[in-house]
Amino acid sequence: MSILQKIKSQQDKSKEAHKKFIQGEYGLTKTFWLYWFLPVAFITIADSIFPTSKNGLITNVMIIFWSGITLFAIHNVKVTDKKLWKNISLGFVAFITITRIFILIS
């Protein structure tokens, strides 16, 4: 297998993983905690240790962007018995996104 074939194979795997994420196939727990909470916590901690700008413009834009994508993924998660947790997760991510937008505006 050549290098180009390996790269193409890896790109296909990556596309499938992104598709599964957006379609909510990873489940509510993994989508919220692993794919939203940990990245946002990491970005926030990294910005507090290594501030990039006075008002955190880059940090807030990254969090808003990632939260918007994750909102679609959480919305698409299929749950039967955990609808309350799905709604709480959606509300929490939406609240964080809205507060970050207001931080950018002010």
PDB file of N, CA and C in Angstrom:
ATOM      1  N   MET A   1       0.852  -1.175   0.000  1.00  0.00           N
ATOM      2  CA  MET A   1       0.000   0.000   0.000  1.00  0.00           C
ATOM      3  C   MET A   1       0.899   1.240   0.000  1.00  0.00           C
ATOM      4  N   SER A   2       0.659   2.117  -0.922  1.00  0.00           N
ATOM      5  CA  SER A   2       1.480   3.310  -1.029  1.00  0.00           C
ATOM      6  C   SER A   2       1.061   4.350   0.006  1.00  0.00           C
ATOM      7  N   ILE A   3       1.877   5.345   0.132  1.00  0.00           N
ATOM      8  CA  ILE A   3       1.600   6.434   1.073  1.00  0.00           C
ATOM      9  C   ILE A   3       0.301   7.140   0.712  1.00  0.00           C
ATOM     10  N   LEU A   4       0.076   7.392  -0.560  1.00  0.00           N
ATOM     11  CA  LEU A   4      -1.148   8.079  -0.990  1.00  0.00           C
ATOM     12  C   LEU A   4      -2.391   7.261  -0.672  1.00  0.00           C
ATOM     13  N   GLN A   5      -2.304   5.952  -0.813  1.00  0.00           N
ATOM     14  CA  GLN A   5      -3.436   5.087  -0.486  1.00  0.00           C
ATOM     15  C   GLN A   5      -3.700   5.094   1.024  1.00  0.00           C
ATOM     16  N   LYS A   6      -2.637   5.127   1.815  1.00  0.00           N
ATOM     17  CA  LYS A   6      -2.798   5.183   3.267  1.00  0.00           C
ATOM     18  C   LYS A   6      -3.440   6.510   3.692  1.00  0.00           C
ATOM     19  N   ILE A   7      -3.015   7.583   3.062  1.00  0.00           N
ATOM     20  CA  ILE A   7      -3.590   8.892   3.367  1.00  0.00           C
ATOM     21  C   ILE A   7      -5.065   8.915   2.991  1.00  0.00           C
ATOM     22  N   LYS A   8      -5.389   8.393   1.827  1.00  0.00           N
ATOM     23  CA  LYS A   8      -6.780   8.337   1.372  1.00  0.00           C
ATOM     24  C   LYS A   8      -7.628   7.489   2.310  1.00  0.00           C
ATOM     25  N   SER A   9      -7.079   6.376   2.752  1.00  0.00           N
ATOM     26  CA  SER A   9      -7.788   5.503   3.685  1.00  0.00           C
ATOM     27  C   SER A   9      -8.045   6.222   5.019  1.00  0.00           C
ATOM     28  N   GLN A  10      -7.048   6.933   5.500  1.00  0.00           N
ATOM     29  CA  GLN A  10      -7.203   7.676   6.754  1.00  0.00           C
ATOM     30  C   GLN A  10      -8.222   8.806   6.608  1.00  0.00           C
ATOM     31  N   GLN A  11      -8.235   9.472   5.470  1.00  0.00           N
ATOM     32  CA  GLN A  11      -9.217  10.527   5.224  1.00  0.00           C
ATOM     33  C   GLN A  11     -10.637   9.960   5.202  1.00  0.00           C
ATOM     34  N   ASP A  12     -10.802   8.799   4.605  1.00  0.00           N
ATOM     35  CA  ASP A  12     -12.119   8.164   4.573  1.00  0.00           C
ATOM     36  C   ASP A  12     -12.588   7.800   5.985  1.00  0.00           C
ATOM     37  N   LYS A  13     -11.675   7.284   6.808  1.00  0.00           N
ATOM     38  CA  LYS A  13     -12.023   6.951   8.189  1.00  0.00           C
ATOM     39  C   LYS A  13     -12.411   8.212   8.954  1.00  0.00           C
ATOM     40  N   SER A  14     -11.690   9.286   8.723  1.00  0.00           N
ATOM     41  CA  SER A  14     -11.979  10.549   9.392  1.00  0.00           C
ATOM     42  C   SER A  14     -13.339  11.097   8.984  1.00  0.00           C
ATOM     43  N   LYS A  15     -13.656  11.016   7.693  1.00  0.00           N
ATOM     44  CA  LYS A  15     -14.957  11.475   7.211  1.00  0.00           C
ATOM     45  C   LYS A  15     -16.086  10.672   7.842  1.00  0.00           C
ATOM     46  N   GLU A  16     -15.898   9.365   7.954  1.00  0.00           N
ATOM     47  CA  GLU A  16     -16.919   8.516   8.573  1.00  0.00           C
ATOM     48  C   GLU A  16     -17.113   8.866  10.051  1.00  0.00           C
ATOM     49  N   ALA A  17     -16.011   9.148  10.753  1.00  0.00           N
ATOM     50  CA  ALA A  17     -16.114   9.518  12.167  1.00  0.00           C
ATOM     51  C   ALA A  17     -16.844  10.849  12.326  1.00  0.00           C
ATOM     52  N   HIS A  18     -16.557  11.805  11.460  1.00  0.00           N
ATOM     53  CA  HIS A  18     -17.251  13.096  11.516  1.00  0.00           C
ATOM     54  C   HIS A  18     -18.731  12.926  11.223  1.00  0.00           C
ATOM     55  N   LYS A  19     -19.040  12.081  10.248  1.00  0.00           N
ATOM     56  CA  LYS A  19     -20.430  11.831   9.890  1.00  0.00           C
ATOM     57  C   LYS A  19     -21.174  11.178  11.061  1.00  0.00           C
ATOM     58  N   LYS A  20     -20.537  10.197  11.710  1.00  0.00           N
ATOM     59  CA  LYS A  20     -21.156   9.546  12.861  1.00  0.00           C
ATOM     60  C   LYS A  20     -21.387  10.544  13.992  1.00  0.00           C
ATOM     61  N   PHE A  21     -20.443  11.455  14.188  1.00  0.00           N
ATOM     62  CA  PHE A  21     -20.569  12.448  15.252  1.00  0.00           C
ATOM     63  C   PHE A  21     -21.755  13.369  14.998  1.00  0.00           C
ATOM     64  N   ILE A  22     -21.844  13.924  13.806  1.00  0.00           N
ATOM     65  CA  ILE A  22     -22.928  14.853  13.483  1.00  0.00           C
ATOM     66  C   ILE A  22     -24.281  14.151  13.523  1.00  0.00           C
ATOM     67  N   GLN A  23     -24.332  12.891  13.142  1.00  0.00           N
ATOM     68  CA  GLN A  23     -25.592  12.156  13.143  1.00  0.00           C
ATOM     69  C   GLN A  23     -25.973  11.648  14.534  1.00  0.00           C
ATOM     70  N   GLY A  24     -25.116  11.873  15.522  1.00  0.00           N
ATOM     71  CA  GLY A  24     -25.442  11.498  16.892  1.00  0.00           C
ATOM     72  C   GLY A  24     -25.320  10.024  17.192  1.00  0.00           C
ATOM     73  N   GLU A  25     -24.486   9.322  16.456  1.00  0.00           N
ATOM     74  CA  GLU A  25     -24.361   7.875  16.630  1.00  0.00           C
ATOM     75  C   GLU A  25     -23.456   7.470  17.794  1.00  0.00           C
ATOM     76  N   TYR A  26     -22.799   8.420  18.434  1.00  0.00           N
ATOM     77  CA  TYR A  26     -21.919   8.073  19.540  1.00  0.00           C
ATOM     78  C   TYR A  26     -22.628   8.026  20.883  1.00  0.00           C
ATOM     79  N   GLY A  27     -23.863   8.472  20.931  1.00  0.00           N
ATOM     80  CA  GLY A  27     -24.604   8.452  22.182  1.00  0.00           C
ATOM     81  C   GLY A  27     -24.460   9.765  22.935  1.00  0.00           C
ATOM     82  N   LEU A  28     -25.392   9.985  23.844  1.00  0.00           N
ATOM     83  CA  LEU A  28     -25.447  11.254  24.558  1.00  0.00           C
ATOM     84  C   LEU A  28     -24.263  11.455  25.488  1.00  0.00           C
ATOM     85  N   THR A  29     -23.903  10.434  26.238  1.00  0.00           N
ATOM     86  CA  THR A  29     -22.816  10.568  27.208  1.00  0.00           C
ATOM     87  C   THR A  29     -21.499  10.906  26.527  1.00  0.00           C
ATOM     88  N   LYS A  30     -21.156  10.141  25.518  1.00  0.00           N
ATOM     89  CA  LYS A  30     -19.890  10.361  24.823  1.00  0.00           C
ATOM     90  C   LYS A  30     -19.894  11.704  24.085  1.00  0.00           C
ATOM     91  N   THR A  31     -21.030  12.040  23.463  1.00  0.00           N
ATOM     92  CA  THR A  31     -21.104  13.291  22.716  1.00  0.00           C
ATOM     93  C   THR A  31     -20.950  14.483  23.640  1.00  0.00           C
ATOM     94  N   PHE A  32     -21.643  14.474  24.768  1.00  0.00           N
ATOM     95  CA  PHE A  32     -21.571  15.624  25.669  1.00  0.00           C
ATOM     96  C   PHE A  32     -20.244  15.685  26.396  1.00  0.00           C
ATOM     97  N   TRP A  33     -19.884  14.659  27.121  1.00  0.00           N
ATOM     98  CA  TRP A  33     -18.707  14.724  27.986  1.00  0.00           C
ATOM     99  C   TRP A  33     -17.390  14.656  27.219  1.00  0.00           C
ATOM    100  N   LEU A  34     -17.302  13.732  26.275  1.00  0.00           N
ATOM    101  CA  LEU A  34     -16.024  13.535  25.589  1.00  0.00           C
ATOM    102  C   LEU A  34     -15.807  14.529  24.454  1.00  0.00           C
ATOM    103  N   TYR A  35     -16.868  14.799  23.695  1.00  0.00           N
ATOM    104  CA  TYR A  35     -16.692  15.630  22.518  1.00  0.00           C
ATOM    105  C   TYR A  35     -17.055  17.098  22.718  1.00  0.00           C
ATOM    106  N   TRP A  36     -17.738  17.444  23.816  1.00  0.00           N
ATOM    107  CA  TRP A  36     -18.006  18.862  24.058  1.00  0.00           C
ATOM    108  C   TRP A  36     -17.310  19.350  25.326  1.00  0.00           C
ATOM    109  N   PHE A  37     -17.585  18.727  26.455  1.00  0.00           N
ATOM    110  CA  PHE A  37     -17.084  19.237  27.729  1.00  0.00           C
ATOM    111  C   PHE A  37     -15.560  19.249  27.804  1.00  0.00           C
ATOM    112  N   LEU A  38     -14.922  18.155  27.470  1.00  0.00           N
ATOM    113  CA  LEU A  38     -13.451  18.107  27.558  1.00  0.00           C
ATOM    114  C   LEU A  38     -12.762  19.103  26.632  1.00  0.00           C
ATOM    115  N   PRO A  39     -13.159  19.221  25.355  1.00  0.00           N
ATOM    116  CA  PRO A  39     -12.511  20.237  24.522  1.00  0.00           C
ATOM    117  C   PRO A  39     -12.734  21.664  25.020  1.00  0.00           C
ATOM    118  N   VAL A  40     -13.952  21.974  25.464  1.00  0.00           N
ATOM    119  CA  VAL A  40     -14.227  23.329  25.956  1.00  0.00           C
ATOM    120  C   VAL A  40     -13.440  23.593  27.235  1.00  0.00           C
ATOM    121  N   ALA A  41     -13.358  22.606  28.124  1.00  0.00           N
ATOM    122  CA  ALA A  41     -12.564  22.772  29.352  1.00  0.00           C
ATOM    123  C   ALA A  41     -11.092  22.956  29.005  1.00  0.00           C
ATOM    124  N   PHE A  42     -10.584  22.183  28.054  1.00  0.00           N
ATOM    125  CA  PHE A  42      -9.187  22.311  27.644  1.00  0.00           C
ATOM    126  C   PHE A  42      -8.908  23.686  27.047  1.00  0.00           C
ATOM    127  N   ILE A  43      -9.797  24.154  26.166  1.00  0.00           N
ATOM    128  CA  ILE A  43      -9.616  25.476  25.557  1.00  0.00           C
ATOM    129  C   ILE A  43      -9.629  26.567  26.624  1.00  0.00           C
ATOM    130  N   THR A  44     -10.546  26.465  27.577  1.00  0.00           N
ATOM    131  CA  THR A  44     -10.652  27.468  28.640  1.00  0.00           C
ATOM    132  C   THR A  44      -9.420  27.471  29.533  1.00  0.00           C
ATOM    133  N   ILE A  45      -8.955  26.290  29.920  1.00  0.00           N
ATOM    134  CA  ILE A  45      -7.765  26.194  30.770  1.00  0.00           C
ATOM    135  C   ILE A  45      -6.529  26.682  30.014  1.00  0.00           C
ATOM    136  N   ALA A  46      -6.400  26.293  28.760  1.00  0.00           N
ATOM    137  CA  ALA A  46      -5.246  26.735  27.954  1.00  0.00           C
ATOM    138  C   ALA A  46      -5.243  28.252  27.811  1.00  0.00           C
ATOM    139  N   ASP A  47      -6.427  28.857  27.657  1.00  0.00           N
ATOM    140  CA  ASP A  47      -6.494  30.313  27.527  1.00  0.00           C
ATOM    141  C   ASP A  47      -6.153  31.006  28.837  1.00  0.00           C
ATOM    142  N   SER A  48      -6.494  30.386  29.952  1.00  0.00           N
ATOM    143  CA  SER A  48      -6.145  31.021  31.231  1.00  0.00           C
ATOM    144  C   SER A  48      -4.644  30.909  31.519  1.00  0.00           C
ATOM    145  N   ILE A  49      -4.008  29.851  31.026  1.00  0.00           N
ATOM    146  CA  ILE A  49      -2.563  29.689  31.230  1.00  0.00           C
ATOM    147  C   ILE A  49      -1.780  30.523  30.214  1.00  0.00           C
ATOM    148  N   PHE A  50      -2.202  30.465  28.945  1.00  0.00           N
ATOM    149  CA  PHE A  50      -1.539  31.192  27.868  1.00  0.00           C
ATOM    150  C   PHE A  50      -2.541  32.127  27.204  1.00  0.00           C
ATOM    151  N   PRO A  51      -2.817  33.282  27.793  1.00  0.00           N
ATOM    152  CA  PRO A  51      -3.827  34.174  27.198  1.00  0.00           C
ATOM    153  C   PRO A  51      -3.408  34.636  25.807  1.00  0.00           C
ATOM    154  N   THR A  52      -4.351  34.540  24.862  1.00  0.00           N
ATOM    155  CA  THR A  52      -4.048  34.892  23.475  1.00  0.00           C
ATOM    156  C   THR A  52      -4.383  36.339  23.172  1.00  0.00           C
ATOM    157  N   SER A  53      -5.368  36.880  23.845  1.00  0.00           N
ATOM    158  CA  SER A  53      -5.731  38.268  23.620  1.00  0.00           C
ATOM    159  C   SER A  53      -6.382  38.811  24.882  1.00  0.00           C
ATOM    160  N   LYS A  54      -6.561  40.120  24.909  1.00  0.00           N
ATOM    161  CA  LYS A  54      -7.087  40.761  26.106  1.00  0.00           C
ATOM    162  C   LYS A  54      -8.491  40.285  26.452  1.00  0.00           C
ATOM    163  N   ASN A  55      -9.361  40.172  25.477  1.00  0.00           N
ATOM    164  CA  ASN A  55     -10.740  39.793  25.761  1.00  0.00           C
ATOM    165  C   ASN A  55     -11.059  38.340  25.393  1.00  0.00           C
ATOM    166  N   GLY A  56     -10.092  37.547  25.038  1.00  0.00           N
ATOM    167  CA  GLY A  56     -10.322  36.142  24.723  1.00  0.00           C
ATOM    168  C   GLY A  56     -11.099  35.917  23.452  1.00  0.00           C
ATOM    169  N   LEU A  57     -10.856  36.739  22.456  1.00  0.00           N
ATOM    170  CA  LEU A  57     -11.598  36.648  21.203  1.00  0.00           C
ATOM    171  C   LEU A  57     -11.458  35.277  20.558  1.00  0.00           C
ATOM    172  N   ILE A  58     -10.245  34.796  20.433  1.00  0.00           N
ATOM    173  CA  ILE A  58      -9.996  33.512  19.773  1.00  0.00           C
ATOM    174  C   ILE A  58     -10.639  32.377  20.562  1.00  0.00           C
ATOM    175  N   THR A  59     -10.497  32.412  21.875  1.00  0.00           N
ATOM    176  CA  THR A  59     -11.083  31.381  22.729  1.00  0.00           C
ATOM    177  C   THR A  59     -12.595  31.343  22.586  1.00  0.00           C
ATOM    178  N   ASN A  60     -13.228  32.504  22.653  1.00  0.00           N
ATOM    179  CA  ASN A  60     -14.682  32.545  22.554  1.00  0.00           C
ATOM    180  C   ASN A  60     -15.175  32.093  21.191  1.00  0.00           C
ATOM    181  N   VAL A  61     -14.493  32.470  20.133  1.00  0.00           N
ATOM    182  CA  VAL A  61     -14.899  32.050  18.787  1.00  0.00           C
ATOM    183  C   VAL A  61     -14.758  30.536  18.648  1.00  0.00           C
ATOM    184  N   MET A  62     -13.671  29.971  19.150  1.00  0.00           N
ATOM    185  CA  MET A  62     -13.488  28.520  19.073  1.00  0.00           C
ATOM    186  C   MET A  62     -14.578  27.785  19.846  1.00  0.00           C
ATOM    187  N   ILE A  63     -14.905  28.274  21.039  1.00  0.00           N
ATOM    188  CA  ILE A  63     -15.929  27.621  21.853  1.00  0.00           C
ATOM    189  C   ILE A  63     -17.300  27.758  21.194  1.00  0.00           C
ATOM    190  N   ILE A  64     -17.610  28.919  20.654  1.00  0.00           N
ATOM    191  CA  ILE A  64     -18.901  29.103  19.975  1.00  0.00           C
ATOM    192  C   ILE A  64     -18.997  28.179  18.770  1.00  0.00           C
ATOM    193  N   PHE A  65     -17.948  28.113  17.977  1.00  0.00           N
ATOM    194  CA  PHE A  65     -17.943  27.251  16.793  1.00  0.00           C
ATOM    195  C   PHE A  65     -18.135  25.785  17.184  1.00  0.00           C
ATOM    196  N   TRP A  66     -17.349  25.316  18.139  1.00  0.00           N
ATOM    197  CA  TRP A  66     -17.425  23.910  18.537  1.00  0.00           C
ATOM    198  C   TRP A  66     -18.761  23.596  19.217  1.00  0.00           C
ATOM    199  N   SER A  67     -19.274  24.521  20.004  1.00  0.00           N
ATOM    200  CA  SER A  67     -20.562  24.304  20.658  1.00  0.00           C
ATOM    201  C   SER A  67     -21.692  24.236  19.637  1.00  0.00           C
ATOM    202  N   GLY A  68     -21.619  25.041  18.599  1.00  0.00           N
ATOM    203  CA  GLY A  68     -22.636  24.999  17.553  1.00  0.00           C
ATOM    204  C   GLY A  68     -22.670  23.651  16.850  1.00  0.00           C
ATOM    205  N   ILE A  69     -21.504  23.125  16.541  1.00  0.00           N
ATOM    206  CA  ILE A  69     -21.432  21.804  15.906  1.00  0.00           C
ATOM    207  C   ILE A  69     -21.957  20.733  16.858  1.00  0.00           C
ATOM    208  N   THR A  70     -21.563  20.823  18.116  1.00  0.00           N
ATOM    209  CA  THR A  70     -21.975  19.827  19.095  1.00  0.00           C
ATOM    210  C   THR A  70     -23.470  19.895  19.385  1.00  0.00           C
ATOM    211  N   LEU A  71     -24.063  21.078  19.281  1.00  0.00           N
ATOM    212  CA  LEU A  71     -25.513  21.189  19.455  1.00  0.00           C
ATOM    213  C   LEU A  71     -26.249  20.328  18.429  1.00  0.00           C
ATOM    214  N   PHE A  72     -25.798  20.344  17.184  1.00  0.00           N
ATOM    215  CA  PHE A  72     -26.408  19.498  16.166  1.00  0.00           C
ATOM    216  C   PHE A  72     -26.234  18.019  16.503  1.00  0.00           C
ATOM    217  N   ALA A  73     -25.047  17.655  16.979  1.00  0.00           N
ATOM    218  CA  ALA A  73     -24.791  16.256  17.317  1.00  0.00           C
ATOM    219  C   ALA A  73     -25.672  15.805  18.484  1.00  0.00           C
ATOM    220  N   ILE A  74     -25.793  16.640  19.523  1.00  0.00           N
ATOM    221  CA  ILE A  74     -26.634  16.280  20.663  1.00  0.00           C
ATOM    222  C   ILE A  74     -28.100  16.208  20.234  1.00  0.00           C
ATOM    223  N   HIS A  75     -28.511  17.138  19.397  1.00  0.00           N
ATOM    224  CA  HIS A  75     -29.896  17.120  18.910  1.00  0.00           C
ATOM    225  C   HIS A  75     -30.205  15.843  18.131  1.00  0.00           C
ATOM    226  N   ASN A  76     -29.242  15.324  17.403  1.00  0.00           N
ATOM    227  CA  ASN A  76     -29.454  14.136  16.577  1.00  0.00           C
ATOM    228  C   ASN A  76     -29.289  12.823  17.327  1.00  0.00           C
ATOM    229  N   VAL A  77     -28.872  12.860  18.597  1.00  0.00           N
ATOM    230  CA  VAL A  77     -28.718  11.631  19.374  1.00  0.00           C
ATOM    231  C   VAL A  77     -30.093  11.002  19.571  1.00  0.00           C
ATOM    232  N   LYS A  78     -30.174   9.719  19.329  1.00  0.00           N
ATOM    233  CA  LYS A  78     -31.421   8.979  19.516  1.00  0.00           C
ATOM    234  C   LYS A  78     -31.465   8.436  20.943  1.00  0.00           C
ATOM    235  N   VAL A  79     -32.391   8.942  21.739  1.00  0.00           N
ATOM    236  CA  VAL A  79     -32.569   8.439  23.099  1.00  0.00           C
ATOM    237  C   VAL A  79     -34.034   8.091  23.307  1.00  0.00           C
ATOM    238  N   THR A  80     -34.261   7.071  24.106  1.00  0.00           N
ATOM    239  CA  THR A  80     -35.634   6.697  24.407  1.00  0.00           C
ATOM    240  C   THR A  80     -35.976   6.985  25.863  1.00  0.00           C
ATOM    241  N   ASP A  81     -35.061   6.670  26.752  1.00  0.00           N
ATOM    242  CA  ASP A  81     -35.359   6.823  28.174  1.00  0.00           C
ATOM    243  C   ASP A  81     -34.609   7.983  28.831  1.00  0.00           C
ATOM    244  N   LYS A  82     -33.780   8.681  28.104  1.00  0.00           N
ATOM    245  CA  LYS A  82     -32.983   9.770  28.679  1.00  0.00           C
ATOM    246  C   LYS A  82     -33.303  11.112  28.026  1.00  0.00           C
ATOM    247  N   LYS A  83     -34.556  11.340  27.715  1.00  0.00           N
ATOM    248  CA  LYS A  83     -34.926  12.591  27.052  1.00  0.00           C
ATOM    249  C   LYS A  83     -34.668  13.794  27.944  1.00  0.00           C
ATOM    250  N   LEU A  84     -34.839  13.632  29.246  1.00  0.00           N
ATOM    251  CA  LEU A  84     -34.561  14.733  30.170  1.00  0.00           C
ATOM    252  C   LEU A  84     -33.092  15.126  30.096  1.00  0.00           C
ATOM    253  N   TRP A  85     -32.188  14.127  30.106  1.00  0.00           N
ATOM    254  CA  TRP A  85     -30.762  14.426  30.050  1.00  0.00           C
ATOM    255  C   TRP A  85     -30.371  15.037  28.709  1.00  0.00           C
ATOM    256  N   LYS A  86     -31.025  14.604  27.655  1.00  0.00           N
ATOM    257  CA  LYS A  86     -30.753  15.192  26.345  1.00  0.00           C
ATOM    258  C   LYS A  86     -31.148  16.661  26.340  1.00  0.00           C
ATOM    259  N   ASN A  87     -32.317  16.978  26.893  1.00  0.00           N
ATOM    260  CA  ASN A  87     -32.768  18.367  26.943  1.00  0.00           C
ATOM    261  C   ASN A  87     -31.895  19.217  27.859  1.00  0.00           C
ATOM    262  N   ILE A  88     -31.462  18.646  28.970  1.00  0.00           N
ATOM    263  CA  ILE A  88     -30.552  19.373  29.862  1.00  0.00           C
ATOM    264  C   ILE A  88     -29.231  19.656  29.148  1.00  0.00           C
ATOM    265  N   SER A  89     -28.708  18.661  28.435  1.00  0.00           N
ATOM    266  CA  SER A  89     -27.452  18.844  27.695  1.00  0.00           C
ATOM    267  C   SER A  89     -27.600  19.910  26.619  1.00  0.00           C
ATOM    268  N   LEU A  90     -28.695  19.838  25.878  1.00  0.00           N
ATOM    269  CA  LEU A  90     -28.943  20.852  24.845  1.00  0.00           C
ATOM    270  C   LEU A  90     -29.041  22.247  25.460  1.00  0.00           C
ATOM    271  N   GLY A  91     -29.773  22.352  26.564  1.00  0.00           N
ATOM    272  CA  GLY A  91     -29.923  23.646  27.226  1.00  0.00           C
ATOM    273  C   GLY A  91     -28.606  24.186  27.743  1.00  0.00           C
ATOM    274  N   PHE A  92     -27.793  23.312  28.319  1.00  0.00           N
ATOM    275  CA  PHE A  92     -26.514  23.748  28.880  1.00  0.00           C
ATOM    276  C   PHE A  92     -25.561  24.220  27.784  1.00  0.00           C
ATOM    277  N   VAL A  93     -25.443  23.447  26.712  1.00  0.00           N
ATOM    278  CA  VAL A  93     -24.554  23.834  25.612  1.00  0.00           C
ATOM    279  C   VAL A  93     -25.061  25.116  24.957  1.00  0.00           C
ATOM    280  N   ALA A  94     -26.373  25.233  24.781  1.00  0.00           N
ATOM    281  CA  ALA A  94     -26.941  26.449  24.197  1.00  0.00           C
ATOM    282  C   ALA A  94     -26.697  27.652  25.109  1.00  0.00           C
ATOM    283  N   PHE A  95     -26.837  27.464  26.415  1.00  0.00           N
ATOM    284  CA  PHE A  95     -26.598  28.547  27.366  1.00  0.00           C
ATOM    285  C   PHE A  95     -25.154  29.024  27.308  1.00  0.00           C
ATOM    286  N   ILE A  96     -24.218  28.085  27.289  1.00  0.00           N
ATOM    287  CA  ILE A  96     -22.799  28.443  27.202  1.00  0.00           C
ATOM    288  C   ILE A  96     -22.525  29.178  25.889  1.00  0.00           C
ATOM    289  N   THR A  97     -23.108  28.705  24.798  1.00  0.00           N
ATOM    290  CA  THR A  97     -22.915  29.347  23.494  1.00  0.00           C
ATOM    291  C   THR A  97     -23.447  30.775  23.512  1.00  0.00           C
ATOM    292  N   ILE A  98     -24.638  30.959  24.047  1.00  0.00           N
ATOM    293  CA  ILE A  98     -25.238  32.297  24.102  1.00  0.00           C
ATOM    294  C   ILE A  98     -24.428  33.227  24.996  1.00  0.00           C
ATOM    295  N   THR A  99     -23.973  32.734  26.132  1.00  0.00           N
ATOM    296  CA  THR A  99     -23.169  33.606  27.008  1.00  0.00           C
ATOM    297  C   THR A  99     -21.853  33.994  26.354  1.00  0.00           C
ATOM    298  N   ARG A 100     -21.240  33.068  25.612  1.00  0.00           N
ATOM    299  CA  ARG A 100     -20.002  33.401  24.900  1.00  0.00           C
ATOM    300  C   ARG A 100     -20.246  34.428  23.792  1.00  0.00           C
ATOM    301  N   ILE A 101     -21.400  34.333  23.149  1.00  0.00           N
ATOM    302  CA  ILE A 101     -21.743  35.340  22.123  1.00  0.00           C
ATOM    303  C   ILE A 101     -21.906  36.709  22.775  1.00  0.00           C
ATOM    304  N   PHE A 102     -22.574  36.744  23.929  1.00  0.00           N
ATOM    305  CA  PHE A 102     -22.729  38.019  24.630  1.00  0.00           C
ATOM    306  C   PHE A 102     -21.401  38.578  25.111  1.00  0.00           C
ATOM    307  N   ILE A 103     -20.480  37.719  25.489  1.00  0.00           N
ATOM    308  CA  ILE A 103     -19.146  38.172  25.887  1.00  0.00           C
ATOM    309  C   ILE A 103     -18.451  38.836  24.708  1.00  0.00           C
ATOM    310  N   LEU A 104     -18.595  38.245  23.523  1.00  0.00           N
ATOM    311  CA  LEU A 104     -17.977  38.834  22.331  1.00  0.00           C
ATOM    312  C   LEU A 104     -18.609  40.181  21.982  1.00  0.00           C
ATOM    313  N   ILE A 105     -19.920  40.288  22.157  1.00  0.00           N
ATOM    314  CA  ILE A 105     -20.614  41.523  21.808  1.00  0.00           C
ATOM    315  C   ILE A 105     -20.240  42.654  22.747  1.00  0.00           C
ATOM    316  N   SER A 106     -20.127  42.339  24.034  1.00  0.00           N
ATOM    317  CA  SER A 106     -19.858  43.403  25.016  1.00  0.00           C
ATOM    318  C   SER A 106     -18.408  43.803  25.102  1.00  0.00           C
TER     319      SER A 106
END
